[in-house]
Amino acid sequence: MRFFIISVIALAISVVPCFGQSDPLNLDFNLPGPQTKAHQTYLGILPGQSFTLNQVKADILIVEIFSMYCPICQREATKVNQLYKTIQALDNPSVKIIGIGAGNSAFEVAFFKEKYKIEFPLFSDGNFRIHKILGEKGTPFFMGISPQKTGPKVFFTHSGEIKDIHLFVERLLNRSQQRN
């Protein structure tokens, strides 16, 4: 029954794909410290410390809000892995990506990570706290964020399926340059 309810919620929060303008999203939340040394190094976060998005050592941080019960997120996992590899192949090592599992426990996030062989850091949002702070966006939802002294700023959003990884990266990088 729990699976059915969570599946219905995940489908309800899924939306029609679109590239969006920057939204004035509230990014005032902390994430738990990354679990592995590789992820700590990747994000530039000290072991055992919770962190804000602004503390990630990156010029551009891509945040995916996903749910393991969202069929689009499951279908998109391979593409998001391609996105990670495309980002890794860029000459700019300061573009990073993380995922936040809306309504997913740490166990569910670990299951999703293992099943879809996700290499970048994923975090649990088991009680939908972050999802609510972000305005309860449908999943998958992507944000391009630039850490700044005054706090992280969203310069790019995308809801739903990524149809073309290269077009997605191109639009993200173009929006990144327009923010300056």
Foldseek 3Di string as FASTA:
>chain_A
DVLVVVLVLQVVQADDKDKDFFDPADQPDKFFQFDDPVQCVLQVHDPGHIGGPLSGQAQKEKEWEAALSHPLCLVCLVVVQVLQVVQVPDPGSRYYYEYEHQLDDPVRQVVSCVVSVRDHYYGYPNVRPVCVSRPVHHPGKMFIWGRDPVGIGTGIIIGTHDPDSVVVVVVSVVSSVVVD
